């Protein structure tokens, strides 16, 4: 898979498939942050969720670097992290 295919696939997944299933990254990552915060009794943000999910993918890449899905998901989490960390609330 070339980088454009990886990024295009990540874009398709995050902008349509996943968003249709789970809602916007802002909303979904905020729900995850609230659940993690309650469970760990530590404050997490939506940006923290994006970073930690990216680290999960990096850990999987360390074990299986040839698995394209991990690279695509990492690109997707990076894009979602960019969006949730720079999103202005109206």
N, C-alpha and C. Protein backbone atom coordinates (compact mmCIF):
# COMPACT_ATOMS: atom_id res chain seq x y z
N UNK A 1 0.85 -1.18 0.00
CA UNK A 1 0.00 0.00 0.00
C UNK A 1 0.89 1.24 0.00
N UNK A 2 0.63 2.17 -0.91
CA UNK A 2 1.39 3.42 -0.93
C UNK A 2 0.74 4.42 0.02
N UNK A 3 1.48 5.46 0.41
CA UNK A 3 0.99 6.39 1.42
C UNK A 3 -0.33 7.04 1.07
N UNK A 4 -0.55 7.35 -0.22
CA UNK A 4 -1.81 7.96 -0.61
C UNK A 4 -2.97 7.00 -0.37
N UNK A 5 -2.77 5.73 -0.66
CA UNK A 5 -3.82 4.73 -0.39
C UNK A 5 -4.10 4.64 1.11
N UNK A 6 -3.04 4.65 1.90
CA UNK A 6 -3.20 4.59 3.35
C UNK A 6 -4.02 5.78 3.85
N UNK A 7 -3.64 6.98 3.41
CA UNK A 7 -4.34 8.18 3.85
C UNK A 7 -5.76 8.24 3.31
N UNK A 8 -5.95 7.84 2.07
CA UNK A 8 -7.30 7.83 1.48
C UNK A 8 -8.20 6.85 2.23
N UNK A 9 -7.67 5.68 2.56
CA UNK A 9 -8.44 4.69 3.30
C UNK A 9 -8.79 5.21 4.69
N UNK A 10 -7.81 5.80 5.36
CA UNK A 10 -8.06 6.37 6.69
C UNK A 10 -9.12 7.46 6.61
N UNK A 11 -9.05 8.29 5.59
CA UNK A 11 -10.03 9.35 5.41
C UNK A 11 -11.43 8.80 5.20
N UNK A 12 -11.55 7.79 4.36
CA UNK A 12 -12.85 7.17 4.11
C UNK A 12 -13.42 6.57 5.39
N UNK A 13 -12.58 5.87 6.11
CA UNK A 13 -13.04 5.21 7.33
C UNK A 13 -13.47 6.23 8.38
N UNK A 14 -12.64 7.24 8.62
CA UNK A 14 -12.95 8.19 9.70
C UNK A 14 -14.05 9.17 9.33
N UNK A 15 -14.17 9.51 8.05
CA UNK A 15 -15.15 10.51 7.64
C UNK A 15 -16.52 9.93 7.32
N UNK A 16 -16.61 8.62 7.13
CA UNK A 16 -17.92 8.07 6.79
C UNK A 16 -18.24 6.84 7.62
N UNK A 17 -17.52 5.75 7.40
CA UNK A 17 -17.86 4.49 8.06
C UNK A 17 -17.94 4.63 9.58
N UNK A 18 -16.84 5.04 10.19
CA UNK A 18 -16.79 5.13 11.65
C UNK A 18 -17.70 6.24 12.17
N UNK A 19 -17.73 7.35 11.46
CA UNK A 19 -18.57 8.45 11.92
C UNK A 19 -20.05 8.05 11.87
N UNK A 20 -20.44 7.31 10.85
CA UNK A 20 -21.82 6.84 10.78
C UNK A 20 -22.14 5.87 11.91
N UNK A 21 -21.15 5.06 12.30
CA UNK A 21 -21.36 4.07 13.36
C UNK A 21 -21.28 4.67 14.76
N UNK A 22 -20.33 5.60 14.98
CA UNK A 22 -20.02 6.05 16.34
C UNK A 22 -20.19 7.55 16.58
N UNK A 23 -20.53 8.31 15.56
CA UNK A 23 -20.65 9.75 15.71
C UNK A 23 -19.33 10.44 15.41
N UNK A 24 -19.32 11.74 15.60
CA UNK A 24 -18.12 12.53 15.30
C UNK A 24 -17.00 12.17 16.27
N UNK A 25 -15.75 12.35 15.85
CA UNK A 25 -14.64 12.10 16.78
C UNK A 25 -14.76 12.96 18.05
N UNK A 26 -15.18 14.21 17.89
CA UNK A 26 -15.30 15.08 19.06
C UNK A 26 -16.23 14.47 20.10
N UNK A 27 -17.40 14.02 19.66
CA UNK A 27 -18.37 13.44 20.58
C UNK A 27 -17.92 12.08 21.09
N UNK A 28 -17.49 11.22 20.20
CA UNK A 28 -17.11 9.87 20.59
C UNK A 28 -15.89 9.87 21.50
N UNK A 29 -14.87 10.63 21.16
CA UNK A 29 -13.67 10.67 21.99
C UNK A 29 -13.96 11.32 23.34
N UNK A 30 -14.90 12.27 23.39
CA UNK A 30 -15.26 12.88 24.67
C UNK A 30 -15.97 11.86 25.56
N UNK A 31 -16.84 11.05 24.99
CA UNK A 31 -17.51 9.99 25.77
C UNK A 31 -16.47 9.01 26.32
N UNK A 32 -15.53 8.61 25.46
CA UNK A 32 -14.46 7.70 25.90
C UNK A 32 -13.66 8.37 27.03
N UNK A 33 -13.32 9.64 26.87
CA UNK A 33 -12.55 10.36 27.89
C UNK A 33 -13.29 10.37 29.22
N UNK A 34 -14.58 10.60 29.18
CA UNK A 34 -15.38 10.63 30.41
C UNK A 34 -15.40 9.25 31.08
N UNK A 35 -15.53 8.21 30.29
CA UNK A 35 -15.53 6.85 30.85
C UNK A 35 -14.17 6.50 31.44
N UNK A 36 -13.10 6.81 30.72
CA UNK A 36 -11.76 6.54 31.23
C UNK A 36 -11.50 7.34 32.51
N UNK A 37 -11.94 8.60 32.52
CA UNK A 37 -11.75 9.46 33.69
C UNK A 37 -12.46 8.87 34.91
N UNK A 38 -13.69 8.41 34.72
CA UNK A 38 -14.44 7.82 35.83
C UNK A 38 -13.77 6.53 36.31
N UNK A 39 -13.31 5.72 35.38
CA UNK A 39 -12.70 4.45 35.72
C UNK A 39 -11.36 4.62 36.44
N UNK A 40 -10.52 5.51 35.93
CA UNK A 40 -9.17 5.70 36.48
C UNK A 40 -9.09 6.81 37.53
N UNK A 41 -10.15 7.61 37.65
CA UNK A 41 -10.16 8.76 38.56
C UNK A 41 -9.03 9.73 38.22
N UNK A 42 -8.82 9.89 36.92
CA UNK A 42 -7.84 10.82 36.36
C UNK A 42 -8.54 11.52 35.21
N UNK A 43 -8.31 12.81 35.06
CA UNK A 43 -8.96 13.53 33.98
C UNK A 43 -8.31 13.22 32.64
N UNK A 44 -9.13 12.76 31.69
CA UNK A 44 -8.71 12.53 30.32
C UNK A 44 -9.49 13.49 29.43
N UNK A 45 -8.86 13.90 28.33
CA UNK A 45 -9.53 14.74 27.33
C UNK A 45 -9.72 13.93 26.05
N UNK A 46 -10.49 14.48 25.15
CA UNK A 46 -10.66 13.84 23.84
C UNK A 46 -9.32 13.73 23.12
N UNK A 47 -8.45 14.72 23.31
CA UNK A 47 -7.12 14.67 22.71
C UNK A 47 -6.30 13.52 23.31
N UNK A 48 -6.40 13.34 24.63
CA UNK A 48 -5.73 12.21 25.28
C UNK A 48 -6.19 10.89 24.67
N UNK A 49 -7.47 10.78 24.40
CA UNK A 49 -8.02 9.55 23.81
C UNK A 49 -7.35 9.30 22.46
N UNK A 50 -7.25 10.33 21.63
CA UNK A 50 -6.62 10.17 20.31
C UNK A 50 -5.16 9.71 20.46
N UNK A 51 -4.44 10.32 21.38
CA UNK A 51 -3.03 9.96 21.59
C UNK A 51 -2.90 8.53 22.09
N UNK A 52 -3.71 8.15 23.05
CA UNK A 52 -3.62 6.81 23.61
C UNK A 52 -4.04 5.74 22.61
N UNK A 53 -5.04 6.04 21.79
CA UNK A 53 -5.43 5.09 20.75
C UNK A 53 -4.32 4.97 19.70
N UNK A 54 -3.67 6.09 19.39
CA UNK A 54 -2.53 6.03 18.46
C UNK A 54 -1.41 5.19 19.05
N UNK A 55 -1.16 5.33 20.35
CA UNK A 55 -0.12 4.51 20.99
C UNK A 55 -0.49 3.03 20.97
N UNK A 56 -1.77 2.73 21.11
CA UNK A 56 -2.22 1.35 20.98
C UNK A 56 -1.85 0.80 19.61
N UNK A 57 -2.10 1.59 18.56
CA UNK A 57 -1.76 1.15 17.21
C UNK A 57 -0.25 1.02 17.04
N UNK A 58 0.52 1.91 17.64
CA UNK A 58 1.97 1.81 17.57
C UNK A 58 2.45 0.52 18.23
N UNK A 59 1.85 0.17 19.35
CA UNK A 59 2.21 -1.10 20.01
C UNK A 59 1.90 -2.28 19.11
N UNK A 60 0.76 -2.22 18.41
CA UNK A 60 0.41 -3.30 17.48
C UNK A 60 1.35 -3.33 16.28
N UNK A 61 1.76 -2.15 15.80
CA UNK A 61 2.70 -2.08 14.69
C UNK A 61 4.04 -2.68 15.09
N UNK A 62 4.43 -2.48 16.34
CA UNK A 62 5.70 -3.05 16.83
C UNK A 62 5.68 -4.57 16.69
N UNK A 63 4.53 -5.17 16.93
CA UNK A 63 4.39 -6.62 16.83
C UNK A 63 4.17 -7.09 15.40
N UNK A 64 3.37 -6.32 14.64
CA UNK A 64 3.01 -6.73 13.27
C UNK A 64 3.14 -5.56 12.30
N UNK A 65 4.36 -5.14 11.97
CA UNK A 65 4.53 -3.97 11.10
C UNK A 65 4.01 -4.17 9.69
N UNK A 66 3.84 -5.38 9.25
CA UNK A 66 3.36 -5.64 7.90
C UNK A 66 1.83 -5.54 7.79
N UNK A 67 1.11 -5.43 8.89
CA UNK A 67 -0.35 -5.38 8.86
C UNK A 67 -0.81 -3.96 8.52
N UNK A 68 -1.29 -3.79 7.30
CA UNK A 68 -1.66 -2.47 6.80
C UNK A 68 -2.74 -1.79 7.63
N UNK A 69 -3.67 -2.57 8.16
CA UNK A 69 -4.77 -2.01 8.93
C UNK A 69 -4.28 -1.17 10.11
N UNK A 70 -3.20 -1.60 10.75
CA UNK A 70 -2.67 -0.83 11.87
C UNK A 70 -2.16 0.54 11.43
N UNK A 71 -1.50 0.59 10.28
CA UNK A 71 -1.01 1.86 9.75
C UNK A 71 -2.17 2.78 9.37
N UNK A 72 -3.18 2.22 8.75
CA UNK A 72 -4.36 3.00 8.36
C UNK A 72 -5.04 3.57 9.61
N UNK A 73 -5.23 2.72 10.62
CA UNK A 73 -5.86 3.18 11.85
C UNK A 73 -5.04 4.26 12.54
N UNK A 74 -3.71 4.10 12.54
CA UNK A 74 -2.84 5.12 13.13
C UNK A 74 -3.03 6.46 12.43
N UNK A 75 -3.08 6.44 11.11
CA UNK A 75 -3.32 7.68 10.34
C UNK A 75 -4.68 8.27 10.70
N UNK A 76 -5.67 7.41 10.84
CA UNK A 76 -7.02 7.86 11.21
C UNK A 76 -7.05 8.49 12.59
N UNK A 77 -6.40 7.86 13.56
CA UNK A 77 -6.37 8.43 14.91
C UNK A 77 -5.62 9.75 14.93
N UNK A 78 -4.56 9.86 14.14
CA UNK A 78 -3.83 11.13 14.05
C UNK A 78 -4.72 12.22 13.48
N UNK A 79 -5.46 11.91 12.44
CA UNK A 79 -6.36 12.90 11.84
C UNK A 79 -7.46 13.30 12.82
N UNK A 80 -8.03 12.32 13.50
CA UNK A 80 -9.08 12.63 14.49
C UNK A 80 -8.50 13.46 15.64
N UNK A 81 -7.28 13.12 16.07
CA UNK A 81 -6.64 13.89 17.13
C UNK A 81 -6.42 15.33 16.73
N UNK A 82 -6.01 15.53 15.49
CA UNK A 82 -5.83 16.88 14.97
C UNK A 82 -7.15 17.65 15.03
N UNK A 83 -8.20 16.98 14.61
CA UNK A 83 -9.51 17.63 14.59
C UNK A 83 -10.01 17.96 15.99
N UNK A 84 -9.96 16.99 16.90
CA UNK A 84 -10.50 17.25 18.24
C UNK A 84 -9.65 18.24 19.02
N UNK A 85 -8.35 18.31 18.75
CA UNK A 85 -7.50 19.22 19.50
C UNK A 85 -7.56 20.65 18.96
N UNK A 86 -8.01 20.82 17.73
CA UNK A 86 -8.08 22.16 17.16
C UNK A 86 -9.51 22.63 16.94
N UNK A 87 -10.46 21.79 17.27
CA UNK A 87 -11.87 22.13 17.07
C UNK A 87 -12.28 23.23 18.04
N UNK A 88 -12.93 24.26 17.53
CA UNK A 88 -13.43 25.31 18.42
C UNK A 88 -14.88 25.00 18.74
N UNK A 89 -15.21 25.14 19.99
CA UNK A 89 -16.57 24.87 20.45
C UNK A 89 -17.41 26.13 20.25
N UNK A 90 -18.59 25.93 19.66
CA UNK A 90 -19.47 27.08 19.42
C UNK A 90 -20.33 27.35 20.63
